[in-house]
C-alpha atoms as a PDB file:
ATOM      1  CA  SER A   1     -11.352  43.138   2.279  1.00  0.00           C
ATOM      2  CA  HIS A   2     -10.172  46.560   2.340  1.00  0.00           C
ATOM      3  CA  LEU A   3     -10.265  46.480   6.134  1.00  0.00           C
ATOM      4  CA  ILE A   4      -8.121  43.470   6.570  1.00  0.00           C
ATOM      5  CA  GLY A   5      -4.769  44.790   7.905  1.00  0.00           C
ATOM      6  CA  ASN A   6      -6.454  48.010   9.493  1.00  0.00           C
ATOM      7  CA  ASP A   7      -5.500  47.996  13.256  1.00  0.00           C
ATOM      8  CA  ASP A   8      -9.186  49.611  14.014  1.00  0.00           C
ATOM      9  CA  PHE A   9     -10.811  46.664  12.225  1.00  0.00           C
ATOM     10  CA  LYS A  10     -11.136  42.977  13.729  1.00  0.00           C
ATOM     11  CA  PHE A  11     -13.288  40.225  11.613  1.00  0.00           C
ATOM     12  CA  VAL A  12     -14.597  37.556  14.192  1.00  0.00           C
ATOM     13  CA  LYS A  13     -15.900  34.386  12.730  1.00  0.00           C
ATOM     14  CA  GLN A  14     -18.405  33.285  15.323  1.00  0.00           C
ATOM     15  CA  ASP A  15     -21.440  31.032  15.591  1.00  0.00           C
ATOM     16  CA  VAL A  16     -23.825  33.681  16.633  1.00  0.00           C
ATOM     17  CA  THR A  17     -26.358  31.300  18.112  1.00  0.00           C
ATOM     18  CA  GLU A  18     -23.660  30.820  20.990  1.00  0.00           C
ATOM     19  CA  TYR A  19     -22.488  33.267  23.520  1.00  0.00           C
ATOM     20  CA  ILE A  20     -20.218  35.980  21.936  1.00  0.00           C
ATOM     21  CA  HIS A  21     -17.358  37.261  23.594  1.00  0.00           C
ATOM     22  CA  VAL A  22     -15.050  40.077  21.987  1.00  0.00           C
ATOM     23  CA  PRO A  23     -12.329  41.570  24.302  1.00  0.00           C
ATOM     24  CA  GLY A  24     -11.800  45.227  24.397  1.00  0.00           C
ATOM     25  CA  GLU A  25     -13.885  48.055  23.091  1.00  0.00           C
ATOM     26  CA  LEU A  26     -16.221  47.880  20.207  1.00  0.00           C
ATOM     27  CA  ASP A  27     -17.499  50.578  18.180  1.00  0.00           C
ATOM     28  CA  LEU A  28     -19.704  48.503  15.940  1.00  0.00           C
ATOM     29  CA  VAL A  29     -21.324  45.237  15.755  1.00  0.00           C
ATOM     30  CA  LEU A  30     -22.306  43.997  12.152  1.00  0.00           C
ATOM     31  CA  HIS A  31     -24.710  40.982  11.886  1.00  0.00           C
ATOM     32  CA  PHE A  32     -24.466  39.547   8.488  1.00  0.00           C
ATOM     33  CA  ALA A  33     -25.249  35.876   9.526  1.00  0.00           C
ATOM     34  CA  SER A  34     -27.754  34.013   7.581  1.00  0.00           C
ATOM     35  CA  PRO A  35     -28.056  31.437   5.137  1.00  0.00           C
ATOM     36  CA  ALA A  36     -29.304  33.377   1.980  1.00  0.00           C
ATOM     37  CA  SER A  37     -30.838  30.796  -0.130  1.00  0.00           C
ATOM     38  CA  PRO A  38     -34.373  29.209  -0.309  1.00  0.00           C
ATOM     39  CA  ILE A  39     -32.609  26.042  -0.939  1.00  0.00           C
ATOM     40  CA  ASP A  40     -30.855  26.550   2.546  1.00  0.00           C
ATOM     41  CA  TYR A  41     -34.029  27.392   4.260  1.00  0.00           C
ATOM     42  CA  LEU A  42     -35.561  24.288   3.059  1.00  0.00           C
ATOM     43  CA  GLU A  43     -32.566  22.138   4.070  1.00  0.00           C
ATOM     44  CA  MET A  44     -31.634  23.872   7.445  1.00  0.00           C
ATOM     45  CA  PRO A  45     -34.933  25.351   8.739  1.00  0.00           C
ATOM     46  CA  ILE A  46     -34.101  25.226  12.454  1.00  0.00           C
ATOM     47  CA  GLN A  47     -30.722  26.742  11.954  1.00  0.00           C
ATOM     48  CA  THR A  48     -32.006  29.453   9.858  1.00  0.00           C
ATOM     49  CA  LEU A  49     -34.584  30.523  12.352  1.00  0.00           C
ATOM     50  CA  LYS A  50     -31.780  30.122  15.123  1.00  0.00           C
ATOM     51  CA  VAL A  51     -29.489  32.658  13.302  1.00  0.00           C
ATOM     52  CA  GLY A  52     -32.315  35.002  12.753  1.00  0.00           C
ATOM     53  CA  SER A  53     -33.799  35.209  16.121  1.00  0.00           C
ATOM     54  CA  LEU A  54     -31.326  33.757  18.653  1.00  0.00           C
ATOM     55  CA  GLY A  55     -28.080  35.129  16.758  1.00  0.00           C
ATOM     56  CA  THR A  56     -29.797  38.678  16.615  1.00  0.00           C
ATOM     57  CA  HIS A  57     -30.356  38.202  20.415  1.00  0.00           C
ATOM     58  CA  LYS A  58     -26.804  37.300  21.084  1.00  0.00           C
ATOM     59  CA  ALA A  59     -25.436  40.044  18.665  1.00  0.00           C
ATOM     60  CA  LEU A  60     -27.542  42.920  20.295  1.00  0.00           C
ATOM     61  CA  GLY A  61     -26.495  41.735  23.756  1.00  0.00           C
ATOM     62  CA  LEU A  62     -22.774  42.170  22.678  1.00  0.00           C
ATOM     63  CA  ALA A  63     -23.533  45.614  21.250  1.00  0.00           C
ATOM     64  CA  LYS A  64     -25.384  46.402  24.470  1.00  0.00           C
ATOM     65  CA  ASP A  65     -22.641  45.356  26.793  1.00  0.00           C
ATOM     66  CA  LYS A  66     -19.976  47.242  24.903  1.00  0.00           C
ATOM     67  CA  GLY A  67     -22.010  50.262  24.232  1.00  0.00           C
ATOM     68  CA  ALA A  68     -21.559  49.567  20.320  1.00  0.00           C
ATOM     69  CA  ARG A  69     -23.886  50.657  17.578  1.00  0.00           C
ATOM     70  CA  PHE A  70     -25.376  47.852  15.871  1.00  0.00           C
ATOM     71  CA  LEU A  71     -26.083  46.746  12.231  1.00  0.00           C
ATOM     72  CA  LEU A  72     -28.383  43.926  10.917  1.00  0.00           C
ATOM     73  CA  ALA A  73     -28.196  43.121   7.367  1.00  0.00           C
ATOM     74  CA  SER A  74     -31.022  41.518   5.560  1.00  0.00           C
ATOM     75  CA  THR A  75     -31.040  38.900   2.753  1.00  0.00           C
ATOM     76  CA  SER A  76     -32.465  39.979  -0.647  1.00  0.00           C
ATOM     77  CA  GLU A  77     -35.528  37.772  -0.135  1.00  0.00           C
ATOM     78  CA  VAL A  78     -37.261  40.612   1.888  1.00  0.00           C
ATOM     79  CA  TYR A  79     -37.724  42.362  -1.428  1.00  0.00           C
ATOM     80  CA  GLY A  80     -39.542  39.496  -3.153  1.00  0.00           C
ATOM     81  CA  ASP A  81     -38.880  37.295  -6.248  1.00  0.00           C
ATOM     82  CA  PRO A  82     -35.981  38.921  -8.152  1.00  0.00           C
ATOM     83  CA  LEU A  83     -35.796  38.773 -11.926  1.00  0.00           C
ATOM     84  CA  VAL A  84     -32.128  38.191 -11.779  1.00  0.00           C
ATOM     85  CA  HIS A  85     -30.027  35.499 -10.060  1.00  0.00           C
ATOM     86  CA  PRO A  86     -27.738  36.029  -8.353  1.00  0.00           C
ATOM     87  CA  GLN A  87     -28.484  39.554  -7.623  1.00  0.00           C
ATOM     88  CA  LYS A  88     -25.507  42.151  -8.166  1.00  0.00           C
ATOM     89  CA  GLU A  89     -25.157  45.063  -5.911  1.00  0.00           C
ATOM     90  CA  ASP A  90     -26.548  47.498  -8.587  1.00  0.00           C
ATOM     91  CA  TYR A  91     -29.777  45.446  -9.133  1.00  0.00           C
END
């Protein structure tokens, strides 16, 4: 939220499974798109897989086209079953 209003930052809400077009230059592509709940995984299995695979492919394509760096953020599920729900940043 501290970046909102900064002329050097633009937030783009996008369905990452579709073609991604952002006009102008980009320094960095951040891919944070994924349902992060086992309940969501059960209710939306195909959509979850599409975001993880096709969405990453599309976001990487954007980064490649723009010569931008790419960051893919993972959900906490990769670390196993946590003792605290929801997890805080200092967990």
